[in-house]
PDB file of N, CA and C in Angstrom:
ATOM      1  N   MET A   1       0.842  -1.182   0.000  1.00  0.00           N
ATOM      2  CA  MET A   1       0.000   0.000   0.000  1.00  0.00           C
ATOM      3  C   MET A   1       0.885   1.243   0.000  1.00  0.00           C
ATOM      4  N   SER A   2       0.438   2.298  -0.668  1.00  0.00           N
ATOM      5  CA  SER A   2       1.240   3.507  -0.754  1.00  0.00           C
ATOM      6  C   SER A   2       0.729   4.577   0.207  1.00  0.00           C
ATOM      7  N   SER A   3       1.636   5.440   0.642  1.00  0.00           N
ATOM      8  CA  SER A   3       1.287   6.581   1.474  1.00  0.00           C
ATOM      9  C   SER A   3       1.101   7.788   0.574  1.00  0.00           C
ATOM     10  N   ILE A   4       0.250   8.727   1.006  1.00  0.00           N
ATOM     11  CA  ILE A   4      -0.045   9.916   0.215  1.00  0.00           C
ATOM     12  C   ILE A   4       0.458  11.153   0.950  1.00  0.00           C
ATOM     13  N   TYR A   5       1.095  12.046   0.203  1.00  0.00           N
ATOM     14  CA  TYR A   5       1.587  13.313   0.733  1.00  0.00           C
ATOM     15  C   TYR A   5       1.128  14.431  -0.201  1.00  0.00           C
ATOM     16  N   ILE A   6       0.910  15.624   0.356  1.00  0.00           N
ATOM     17  CA  ILE A   6       0.598  16.805  -0.441  1.00  0.00           C
ATOM     18  C   ILE A   6       1.744  17.791  -0.244  1.00  0.00           C
ATOM     19  N   VAL A   7       2.307  18.281  -1.356  1.00  0.00           N
ATOM     20  CA  VAL A   7       3.411  19.230  -1.261  1.00  0.00           C
ATOM     21  C   VAL A   7       2.864  20.577  -0.792  1.00  0.00           C
ATOM     22  N   ASP A   8       3.327  21.028   0.369  1.00  0.00           N
ATOM     23  CA  ASP A   8       2.929  22.320   0.922  1.00  0.00           C
ATOM     24  C   ASP A   8       3.794  23.433   0.348  1.00  0.00           C
ATOM     25  N   ARG A   9       5.097  23.180   0.287  1.00  0.00           N
ATOM     26  CA  ARG A   9       6.030  24.179  -0.232  1.00  0.00           C
ATOM     27  C   ARG A   9       7.377  23.509  -0.523  1.00  0.00           C
ATOM     28  N   ILE A  10       8.204  24.244  -1.242  1.00  0.00           N
ATOM     29  CA  ILE A  10       9.564  23.795  -1.528  1.00  0.00           C
ATOM     30  C   ILE A  10      10.508  24.680  -0.713  1.00  0.00           C
ATOM     31  N   GLU A  11      11.389  24.068   0.037  1.00  0.00           N
ATOM     32  CA  GLU A  11      12.402  24.797   0.808  1.00  0.00           C
ATOM     33  C   GLU A  11      13.771  24.232   0.459  1.00  0.00           C
ATOM     34  N   GLY A  12      14.502  24.994  -0.333  1.00  0.00           N
ATOM     35  CA  GLY A  12      15.828  24.537  -0.749  1.00  0.00           C
ATOM     36  C   GLY A  12      15.743  23.256  -1.544  1.00  0.00           C
ATOM     37  N   LYS A  13      16.378  22.203  -1.040  1.00  0.00           N
ATOM     38  CA  LYS A  13      16.367  20.927  -1.759  1.00  0.00           C
ATOM     39  C   LYS A  13      15.323  19.957  -1.210  1.00  0.00           C
ATOM     40  N   TYR A  14      14.343  20.485  -0.454  1.00  0.00           N
ATOM     41  CA  TYR A  14      13.312  19.634   0.150  1.00  0.00           C
ATOM     42  C   TYR A  14      11.908  20.050  -0.263  1.00  0.00           C
ATOM     43  N   ALA A  15      11.042  19.061  -0.397  1.00  0.00           N
ATOM     44  CA  ALA A  15       9.608  19.296  -0.526  1.00  0.00           C
ATOM     45  C   ALA A  15       9.032  19.108   0.875  1.00  0.00           C
ATOM     46  N   VAL A  16       8.407  20.156   1.399  1.00  0.00           N
ATOM     47  CA  VAL A  16       7.763  20.065   2.707  1.00  0.00           C
ATOM     48  C   VAL A  16       6.338  19.593   2.432  1.00  0.00           C
ATOM     49  N   CYS A  17       6.002  18.409   2.943  1.00  0.00           N
ATOM     50  CA  CYS A  17       4.744  17.758   2.596  1.00  0.00           C
ATOM     51  C   CYS A  17       3.884  17.487   3.822  1.00  0.00           C
ATOM     52  N   GLU A  18       2.568  17.492   3.587  1.00  0.00           N
ATOM     53  CA  GLU A  18       1.617  17.140   4.635  1.00  0.00           C
ATOM     54  C   GLU A  18       1.180  15.696   4.421  1.00  0.00           C
ATOM     55  N   THR A  19       1.169  14.925   5.506  1.00  0.00           N
ATOM     56  CA  THR A  19       0.745  13.530   5.427  1.00  0.00           C
ATOM     57  C   THR A  19      -0.765  13.438   5.589  1.00  0.00           C
ATOM     58  N   GLU A  20      -1.290  12.241   5.425  1.00  0.00           N
ATOM     59  CA  GLU A  20      -2.722  12.006   5.624  1.00  0.00           C
ATOM     60  C   GLU A  20      -3.137  12.259   7.069  1.00  0.00           C
ATOM     61  N   LYS A  21      -2.165  12.194   7.985  1.00  0.00           N
ATOM     62  CA  LYS A  21      -2.435  12.429   9.411  1.00  0.00           C
ATOM     63  C   LYS A  21      -2.179  13.881   9.796  1.00  0.00           C
ATOM     64  N   LYS A  22      -2.040  14.757   8.786  1.00  0.00           N
ATOM     65  CA  LYS A  22      -1.822  16.194   8.986  1.00  0.00           C
ATOM     66  C   LYS A  22      -0.477  16.522   9.636  1.00  0.00           C
ATOM     67  N   GLU A  23       0.494  15.638   9.484  1.00  0.00           N
ATOM     68  CA  GLU A  23       1.851  15.881   9.975  1.00  0.00           C
ATOM     69  C   GLU A  23       2.697  16.389   8.812  1.00  0.00           C
ATOM     70  N   MET A  24       3.710  17.177   9.119  1.00  0.00           N
ATOM     71  CA  MET A  24       4.587  17.713   8.088  1.00  0.00           C
ATOM     72  C   MET A  24       5.883  16.902   8.046  1.00  0.00           C
ATOM     73  N   VAL A  25       6.313  16.564   6.833  1.00  0.00           N
ATOM     74  CA  VAL A  25       7.562  15.830   6.639  1.00  0.00           C
ATOM     75  C   VAL A  25       8.350  16.472   5.496  1.00  0.00           C
ATOM     76  N   ASP A  26       9.665  16.361   5.565  1.00  0.00           N
ATOM     77  CA  ASP A  26      10.544  16.854   4.505  1.00  0.00           C
ATOM     78  C   ASP A  26      11.017  15.674   3.668  1.00  0.00           C
ATOM     79  N   ILE A  27      10.879  15.812   2.347  1.00  0.00           N
ATOM     80  CA  ILE A  27      11.343  14.777   1.425  1.00  0.00           C
ATOM     81  C   ILE A  27      12.321  15.438   0.458  1.00  0.00           C
ATOM     82  N   GLU A  28      13.509  14.868   0.334  1.00  0.00           N
ATOM     83  CA  GLU A  28      14.489  15.426  -0.602  1.00  0.00           C
ATOM     84  C   GLU A  28      13.945  15.370  -2.022  1.00  0.00           C
ATOM     85  N   LEU A  29      14.073  16.488  -2.728  1.00  0.00           N
ATOM     86  CA  LEU A  29      13.568  16.568  -4.097  1.00  0.00           C
ATOM     87  C   LEU A  29      14.189  15.508  -4.996  1.00  0.00           C
ATOM     88  N   THR A  30      15.446  15.156  -4.745  1.00  0.00           N
ATOM     89  CA  THR A  30      16.124  14.160  -5.581  1.00  0.00           C
ATOM     90  C   THR A  30      15.532  12.760  -5.397  1.00  0.00           C
ATOM     91  N   ASN A  31      14.734  12.571  -4.350  1.00  0.00           N
ATOM     92  CA  ASN A  31      14.110  11.267  -4.094  1.00  0.00           C
ATOM     93  C   ASN A  31      12.714  11.142  -4.701  1.00  0.00           C
ATOM     94  N   ILE A  32      12.248  12.205  -5.366  1.00  0.00           N
ATOM     95  CA  ILE A  32      10.892  12.210  -5.918  1.00  0.00           C
ATOM     96  C   ILE A  32      10.975  12.166  -7.438  1.00  0.00           C
ATOM     97  N   PHE A  33      10.283  11.208  -8.045  1.00  0.00           N
ATOM     98  CA  PHE A  33      10.222  11.093  -9.500  1.00  0.00           C
ATOM     99  C   PHE A  33       9.069  11.951 -10.013  1.00  0.00           C
ATOM    100  N   GLY A  34       9.371  12.866 -10.927  1.00  0.00           N
ATOM    101  CA  GLY A  34       8.356  13.742 -11.496  1.00  0.00           C
ATOM    102  C   GLY A  34       8.646  15.195 -11.165  1.00  0.00           C
ATOM    103  N   ILE A  35       7.811  16.082 -11.695  1.00  0.00           N
ATOM    104  CA  ILE A  35       7.961  17.516 -11.466  1.00  0.00           C
ATOM    105  C   ILE A  35       7.233  17.881 -10.181  1.00  0.00           C
ATOM    106  N   VAL A  36       7.984  18.378  -9.207  1.00  0.00           N
ATOM    107  CA  VAL A  36       7.437  18.674  -7.885  1.00  0.00           C
ATOM    108  C   VAL A  36       7.109  20.161  -7.784  1.00  0.00           C
ATOM    109  N   LYS A  37       5.850  20.460  -7.432  1.00  0.00           N
ATOM    110  CA  LYS A  37       5.391  21.833  -7.220  1.00  0.00           C
ATOM    111  C   LYS A  37       4.427  21.834  -6.047  1.00  0.00           C
ATOM    112  N   GLU A  38       4.165  23.028  -5.504  1.00  0.00           N
ATOM    113  CA  GLU A  38       3.199  23.158  -4.419  1.00  0.00           C
ATOM    114  C   GLU A  38       1.850  22.610  -4.864  1.00  0.00           C
ATOM    115  N   GLY A  39       1.199  21.857  -3.985  1.00  0.00           N
ATOM    116  CA  GLY A  39      -0.121  21.317  -4.268  1.00  0.00           C
ATOM    117  C   GLY A  39      -0.121  19.953  -4.939  1.00  0.00           C
ATOM    118  N   LYS A  40       1.032  19.490  -5.385  1.00  0.00           N
ATOM    119  CA  LYS A  40       1.092  18.183  -6.052  1.00  0.00           C
ATOM    120  C   LYS A  40       0.894  17.051  -5.054  1.00  0.00           C
ATOM    121  N   VAL A  41       0.319  15.960  -5.530  1.00  0.00           N
ATOM    122  CA  VAL A  41       0.134  14.757  -4.721  1.00  0.00           C
ATOM    123  C   VAL A  41       1.332  13.843  -4.966  1.00  0.00           C
ATOM    124  N   ILE A  42       1.942  13.395  -3.876  1.00  0.00           N
ATOM    125  CA  ILE A  42       3.097  12.497  -3.936  1.00  0.00           C
ATOM    126  C   ILE A  42       2.690  11.154  -3.338  1.00  0.00           C
ATOM    127  N   LEU A  43       3.019  10.083  -4.030  1.00  0.00           N
ATOM    128  CA  LEU A  43       2.771   8.740  -3.506  1.00  0.00           C
ATOM    129  C   LEU A  43       4.096   8.108  -3.114  1.00  0.00           C
ATOM    130  N   LYS A  44       4.117   7.465  -1.953  1.00  0.00           N
ATOM    131  CA  LYS A  44       5.300   6.709  -1.546  1.00  0.00           C
ATOM    132  C   LYS A  44       4.989   5.237  -1.741  1.00  0.00           C
ATOM    133  N   ARG A  45       5.796   4.613  -2.576  1.00  0.00           N
ATOM    134  CA  ARG A  45       5.662   3.183  -2.818  1.00  0.00           C
ATOM    135  C   ARG A  45       6.930   2.501  -2.322  1.00  0.00           C
ATOM    136  N   GLU A  46       6.975   1.200  -2.467  1.00  0.00           N
ATOM    137  CA  GLU A  46       8.153   0.445  -2.018  1.00  0.00           C
ATOM    138  C   GLU A  46       9.436   0.913  -2.694  1.00  0.00           C
ATOM    139  N   ASP A  47       9.323   1.350  -3.948  1.00  0.00           N
ATOM    140  CA  ASP A  47      10.521   1.710  -4.711  1.00  0.00           C
ATOM    141  C   ASP A  47      10.776   3.214  -4.808  1.00  0.00           C
ATOM    142  N   GLY A  48      10.051   4.039  -4.042  1.00  0.00           N
ATOM    143  CA  GLY A  48      10.332   5.473  -4.044  1.00  0.00           C
ATOM    144  C   GLY A  48       9.096   6.344  -3.997  1.00  0.00           C
ATOM    145  N   TYR A  49       9.327   7.647  -4.202  1.00  0.00           N
ATOM    146  CA  TYR A  49       8.263   8.652  -4.195  1.00  0.00           C
ATOM    147  C   TYR A  49       7.958   9.063  -5.633  1.00  0.00           C
ATOM    148  N   TYR A  50       6.675   9.225  -5.940  1.00  0.00           N
ATOM    149  CA  TYR A  50       6.251   9.576  -7.294  1.00  0.00           C
ATOM    150  C   TYR A  50       5.193  10.671  -7.255  1.00  0.00           C
ATOM    151  N   VAL A  51       5.286  11.639  -8.195  1.00  0.00           N
ATOM    152  CA  VAL A  51       4.231  12.627  -8.355  1.00  0.00           C
ATOM    153  C   VAL A  51       3.070  11.926  -9.046  1.00  0.00           C
ATOM    154  N   ASP A  52       1.872  12.042  -8.473  1.00  0.00           N
ATOM    155  CA  ASP A  52       0.672  11.439  -9.059  1.00  0.00           C
ATOM    156  C   ASP A  52      -0.143  12.553  -9.706  1.00  0.00           C
ATOM    157  N   GLU A  53       0.061  12.748 -11.003  1.00  0.00           N
ATOM    158  CA  GLU A  53      -0.610  13.832 -11.729  1.00  0.00           C
ATOM    159  C   GLU A  53      -2.129  13.657 -11.726  1.00  0.00           C
ATOM    160  N   GLU A  54      -2.589  12.427 -11.880  1.00  0.00           N
ATOM    161  CA  GLU A  54      -4.028  12.160 -11.911  1.00  0.00           C
ATOM    162  C   GLU A  54      -4.687  12.537 -10.580  1.00  0.00           C
ATOM    163  N   ALA A  55      -4.073  12.147  -9.478  1.00  0.00           N
ATOM    164  CA  ALA A  55      -4.606  12.475  -8.151  1.00  0.00           C
ATOM    165  C   ALA A  55      -4.518  13.977  -7.893  1.00  0.00           C
ATOM    166  N   THR A  56      -3.480  14.630  -8.414  1.00  0.00           N
ATOM    167  CA  THR A  56      -3.333  16.076  -8.252  1.00  0.00           C
ATOM    168  C   THR A  56      -4.468  16.802  -8.957  1.00  0.00           C
ATOM    169  N   ILE A  57      -4.786  16.404 -10.174  1.00  0.00           N
ATOM    170  CA  ILE A  57      -5.877  17.029 -10.931  1.00  0.00           C
ATOM    171  C   ILE A  57      -7.203  16.802 -10.219  1.00  0.00           C
ATOM    172  N   LYS A  58      -7.437  15.590  -9.751  1.00  0.00           N
ATOM    173  CA  LYS A  58      -8.673  15.272  -9.038  1.00  0.00           C
ATOM    174  C   LYS A  58      -8.805  16.131  -7.782  1.00  0.00           C
ATOM    175  N   ARG A  59      -7.721  16.276  -7.037  1.00  0.00           N
ATOM    176  CA  ARG A  59      -7.728  17.081  -5.808  1.00  0.00           C
ATOM    177  C   ARG A  59      -8.025  18.541  -6.121  1.00  0.00           C
ATOM    178  N   LYS A  60      -7.401  19.092  -7.161  1.00  0.00           N
ATOM    179  CA  LYS A  60      -7.637  20.484  -7.541  1.00  0.00           C
ATOM    180  C   LYS A  60      -9.081  20.698  -7.965  1.00  0.00           C
ATOM    181  N   ASP A  61      -9.655  19.746  -8.702  1.00  0.00           N
ATOM    182  CA  ASP A  61     -11.057  19.842  -9.114  1.00  0.00           C
ATOM    183  C   ASP A  61     -11.986  19.827  -7.905  1.00  0.00           C
ATOM    184  N   GLU A  62     -11.690  18.978  -6.920  1.00  0.00           N
ATOM    185  CA  GLU A  62     -12.507  18.907  -5.707  1.00  0.00           C
ATOM    186  C   GLU A  62     -12.452  20.220  -4.933  1.00  0.00           C
ATOM    187  N   ILE A  63     -11.275  20.810  -4.841  1.00  0.00           N
ATOM    188  CA  ILE A  63     -11.123  22.092  -4.147  1.00  0.00           C
ATOM    189  C   ILE A  63     -11.871  23.189  -4.894  1.00  0.00           C
ATOM    190  N   LYS A  64     -11.770  23.184  -6.214  1.00  0.00           N
ATOM    191  CA  LYS A  64     -12.462  24.185  -7.031  1.00  0.00           C
ATOM    192  C   LYS A  64     -13.973  24.101  -6.826  1.00  0.00           C
ATOM    193  N   LYS A  65     -14.522  22.886  -6.785  1.00  0.00           N
ATOM    194  CA  LYS A  65     -15.959  22.707  -6.564  1.00  0.00           C
ATOM    195  C   LYS A  65     -16.377  23.218  -5.196  1.00  0.00           C
ATOM    196  N   LEU A  66     -15.548  22.983  -4.183  1.00  0.00           N
ATOM    197  CA  LEU A  66     -15.853  23.466  -2.835  1.00  0.00           C
ATOM    198  C   LEU A  66     -15.865  24.991  -2.774  1.00  0.00           C
ATOM    199  N   MET A  67     -15.021  25.621  -3.574  1.00  0.00           N
ATOM    200  CA  MET A  67     -14.897  27.073  -3.537  1.00  0.00           C
ATOM    201  C   MET A  67     -15.925  27.787  -4.410  1.00  0.00           C
ATOM    202  N   GLU A  68     -16.574  27.065  -5.327  1.00  0.00           N
ATOM    203  CA  GLU A  68     -17.558  27.694  -6.209  1.00  0.00           C
ATOM    204  C   GLU A  68     -18.669  28.317  -5.377  1.00  0.00           C
ATOM    205  N   GLY A  69     -18.939  29.556  -5.652  1.00  0.00           N
ATOM    206  CA  GLY A  69     -20.021  30.243  -4.966  1.00  0.00           C
ATOM    207  C   GLY A  69     -19.676  30.735  -3.572  1.00  0.00           C
ATOM    208  N   MET A  70     -18.480  30.471  -3.117  1.00  0.00           N
ATOM    209  CA  MET A  70     -18.114  30.853  -1.752  1.00  0.00           C
ATOM    210  C   MET A  70     -18.134  32.365  -1.554  1.00  0.00           C
ATOM    211  N   TRP A  71     -17.705  33.127  -2.574  1.00  0.00           N
ATOM    212  CA  TRP A  71     -17.646  34.575  -2.434  1.00  0.00           C
ATOM    213  C   TRP A  71     -18.682  35.289  -3.298  1.00  0.00           C
ATOM    214  N   GLU A  72     -19.593  34.562  -3.887  1.00  0.00           N
ATOM    215  CA  GLU A  72     -20.637  35.202  -4.688  1.00  0.00           C
ATOM    216  C   GLU A  72     -21.691  35.790  -3.769  1.00  0.00           C
ATOM    217  N   GLU A  73     -22.243  36.932  -4.196  1.00  0.00           N
ATOM    218  CA  GLU A  73     -23.290  37.560  -3.380  1.00  0.00           C
ATOM    219  C   GLU A  73     -24.627  37.434  -4.055  1.00  0.00           C
TER     220      GLU A  73
END
């Protein structure tokens, strides 16, 4: 089974990520396969960390739906 992380920010050579348990962890950028940016979903598998583009898009769409109409009068 894989663990899921959300990239909160990039600090130097580390991606500062939030875990499913709302804890913050630092992952070296060189250990992550894919293009790492804030908001990206990272999966940890037995063989390393991977950017999950599909999960990132799904997460962004869910956030967008939650925000629709939030500031409309």
